[in-house]
C-alpha atoms as a PDB file:
ATOM      1  CA  UNK A   1      71.736 -63.251 -79.824  1.00  0.00           C
ATOM      2  CA  UNK A   2      68.857 -62.072 -81.979  1.00  0.00           C
ATOM      3  CA  UNK A   3      66.604 -64.773 -83.395  1.00  0.00           C
ATOM      4  CA  UNK A   4      64.239 -64.578 -86.318  1.00  0.00           C
ATOM      5  CA  UNK A   5      60.562 -63.888 -85.803  1.00  0.00           C
ATOM      6  CA  UNK A   6      59.718 -67.316 -87.222  1.00  0.00           C
ATOM      7  CA  UNK A   7      61.989 -69.033 -84.698  1.00  0.00           C
ATOM      8  CA  UNK A   8      60.551 -66.948 -81.865  1.00  0.00           C
ATOM      9  CA  UNK A   9      57.061 -67.953 -83.064  1.00  0.00           C
ATOM     10  CA  UNK A  10      58.209 -71.572 -82.842  1.00  0.00           C
ATOM     11  CA  UNK A  11      59.808 -71.288 -79.393  1.00  0.00           C
ATOM     12  CA  UNK A  12      57.158 -69.355 -77.472  1.00  0.00           C
ATOM     13  CA  UNK A  13      54.223 -71.815 -77.869  1.00  0.00           C
ATOM     14  CA  UNK A  14      56.563 -74.643 -76.892  1.00  0.00           C
ATOM     15  CA  UNK A  15      57.851 -72.731 -73.878  1.00  0.00           C
ATOM     16  CA  UNK A  16      54.308 -72.016 -72.698  1.00  0.00           C
ATOM     17  CA  UNK A  17      52.447 -75.274 -73.367  1.00  0.00           C
ATOM     18  CA  UNK A  18      54.754 -77.768 -75.126  1.00  0.00           C
ATOM     19  CA  UNK A  19      52.971 -76.994 -78.396  1.00  0.00           C
ATOM     20  CA  UNK A  20      54.712 -77.711 -81.684  1.00  0.00           C
ATOM     21  CA  UNK A  21      53.424 -77.531 -85.229  1.00  0.00           C
ATOM     22  CA  UNK A  22      54.479 -78.669 -88.674  1.00  0.00           C
ATOM     23  CA  UNK A  23      54.924 -76.357 -91.637  1.00  0.00           C
ATOM     24  CA  UNK A  24      54.633 -78.057 -95.055  1.00  0.00           C
ATOM     25  CA  UNK A  25      57.977 -78.595 -96.800  1.00  0.00           C
ATOM     26  CA  UNK A  26      59.831 -77.872 -93.567  1.00  0.00           C
ATOM     27  CA  UNK A  27      62.956 -79.875 -92.746  1.00  0.00           C
ATOM     28  CA  UNK A  28      61.954 -80.886 -89.194  1.00  0.00           C
ATOM     29  CA  UNK A  29      58.880 -82.845 -88.124  1.00  0.00           C
ATOM     30  CA  UNK A  30      57.195 -82.100 -84.797  1.00  0.00           C
ATOM     31  CA  UNK A  31      59.208 -84.688 -82.878  1.00  0.00           C
ATOM     32  CA  UNK A  32      62.444 -83.208 -84.226  1.00  0.00           C
ATOM     33  CA  UNK A  33      61.436 -79.741 -83.028  1.00  0.00           C
ATOM     34  CA  UNK A  34      60.736 -81.129 -79.573  1.00  0.00           C
ATOM     35  CA  UNK A  35      64.189 -82.713 -79.472  1.00  0.00           C
ATOM     36  CA  UNK A  36      65.889 -79.537 -80.688  1.00  0.00           C
ATOM     37  CA  UNK A  37      64.048 -77.254 -78.268  1.00  0.00           C
ATOM     38  CA  UNK A  38      64.591 -79.521 -75.267  1.00  0.00           C
ATOM     39  CA  UNK A  39      68.221 -79.944 -76.313  1.00  0.00           C
ATOM     40  CA  UNK A  40      68.595 -76.176 -76.210  1.00  0.00           C
ATOM     41  CA  UNK A  41      67.288 -76.175 -72.634  1.00  0.00           C
ATOM     42  CA  UNK A  42      63.863 -74.743 -73.496  1.00  0.00           C
ATOM     43  CA  UNK A  43      61.449 -76.404 -71.093  1.00  0.00           C
ATOM     44  CA  UNK A  44      57.665 -76.007 -71.283  1.00  0.00           C
ATOM     45  CA  UNK A  45      56.034 -74.262 -68.342  1.00  0.00           C
ATOM     46  CA  UNK A  46      52.889 -76.400 -68.648  1.00  0.00           C
ATOM     47  CA  UNK A  47      51.766 -79.604 -70.308  1.00  0.00           C
ATOM     48  CA  UNK A  48      50.123 -79.631 -73.717  1.00  0.00           C
ATOM     49  CA  UNK A  49      46.462 -78.492 -73.578  1.00  0.00           C
ATOM     50  CA  UNK A  50      45.298 -81.715 -75.271  1.00  0.00           C
ATOM     51  CA  UNK A  51      45.906 -83.506 -71.969  1.00  0.00           C
ATOM     52  CA  UNK A  52      43.193 -81.356 -70.365  1.00  0.00           C
ATOM     53  CA  UNK A  53      40.472 -82.503 -72.761  1.00  0.00           C
ATOM     54  CA  UNK A  54      41.143 -86.234 -72.273  1.00  0.00           C
ATOM     55  CA  UNK A  55      39.712 -88.263 -69.466  1.00  0.00           C
ATOM     56  CA  UNK A  56      42.195 -89.994 -67.196  1.00  0.00           C
ATOM     57  CA  UNK A  57      41.435 -93.298 -68.931  1.00  0.00           C
ATOM     58  CA  UNK A  58      41.933 -91.765 -72.400  1.00  0.00           C
ATOM     59  CA  UNK A  59      45.222 -90.194 -71.344  1.00  0.00           C
ATOM     60  CA  UNK A  60      46.481 -93.458 -69.829  1.00  0.00           C
ATOM     61  CA  UNK A  61      45.496 -95.325 -73.020  1.00  0.00           C
ATOM     62  CA  UNK A  62      47.081 -92.666 -75.275  1.00  0.00           C
ATOM     63  CA  UNK A  63      50.362 -92.657 -73.343  1.00  0.00           C
ATOM     64  CA  UNK A  64      50.361 -96.456 -73.155  1.00  0.00           C
ATOM     65  CA  UNK A  65      49.895 -96.695 -76.930  1.00  0.00           C
ATOM     66  CA  UNK A  66      52.684 -94.183 -77.426  1.00  0.00           C
ATOM     67  CA  UNK A  67      55.015 -96.196 -75.197  1.00  0.00           C
ATOM     68  CA  UNK A  68      54.083 -99.423 -76.996  1.00  0.00           C
ATOM     69  CA  UNK A  69      54.843 -97.831 -80.386  1.00  0.00           C
ATOM     70  CA  UNK A  70      58.226 -96.586 -79.197  1.00  0.00           C
ATOM     71  CA  UNK A  71      59.063 -99.947 -77.606  1.00  0.00           C
ATOM     72  CA  UNK A  72      58.066-101.768 -80.809  1.00  0.00           C
ATOM     73  CA  UNK A  73      60.223 -99.460 -82.921  1.00  0.00           C
ATOM     74  CA  UNK A  74      63.214 -99.856 -80.607  1.00  0.00           C
ATOM     75  CA  UNK A  75      62.896-103.665 -80.673  1.00  0.00           C
ATOM     76  CA  UNK A  76      63.193-103.578 -84.467  1.00  0.00           C
ATOM     77  CA  UNK A  77      66.315-101.422 -84.478  1.00  0.00           C
ATOM     78  CA  UNK A  78      69.823-102.851 -84.459  1.00  0.00           C
ATOM     79  CA  UNK A  79      72.130-102.314 -81.507  1.00  0.00           C
ATOM     80  CA  UNK A  80      74.119 -99.096 -81.834  1.00  0.00           C
ATOM     81  CA  UNK A  81      77.432-100.816 -82.589  1.00  0.00           C
ATOM     82  CA  UNK A  82      75.781-103.114 -85.134  1.00  0.00           C
ATOM     83  CA  UNK A  83      74.331-100.069 -86.883  1.00  0.00           C
ATOM     84  CA  UNK A  84      77.717 -98.347 -86.970  1.00  0.00           C
ATOM     85  CA  UNK A  85      79.408-101.451 -88.327  1.00  0.00           C
ATOM     86  CA  UNK A  86      76.847-101.621 -91.125  1.00  0.00           C
ATOM     87  CA  UNK A  87      76.742 -97.898 -91.840  1.00  0.00           C
ATOM     88  CA  UNK A  88      80.442 -97.159 -91.821  1.00  0.00           C
ATOM     89  CA  UNK A  89      82.410-100.376 -91.641  1.00  0.00           C
ATOM     90  CA  UNK A  90      86.113-100.132 -91.239  1.00  0.00           C
ATOM     91  CA  UNK A  91      89.077-101.540 -89.454  1.00  0.00           C
ATOM     92  CA  UNK A  92      88.974-101.181 -85.695  1.00  0.00           C
ATOM     93  CA  UNK A  93      91.653 -98.836 -84.378  1.00  0.00           C
ATOM     94  CA  UNK A  94      94.898-100.446 -83.273  1.00  0.00           C
ATOM     95  CA  UNK A  95      96.245 -99.736 -79.847  1.00  0.00           C
END
């Protein structure tokens, strides 16, 4: 299947070095592009170049902060079923 030049320009940097970028007024943020590309089976060949300019301590701290932010966000979210009950309540199916 042919893809647009803009999509190819989005895929290739990710495929090479896990690089993503944001275009103003675009629907997806960087994290959404990562999820879409990985979901389509596009795996980076190498890690992002930013990891090469950090010391080991900086990288450990950065990744630890990232994990802490994700963990904090997850703790604040409702359980999946609770979310569904609040978002689209209805009668449970009868058997």
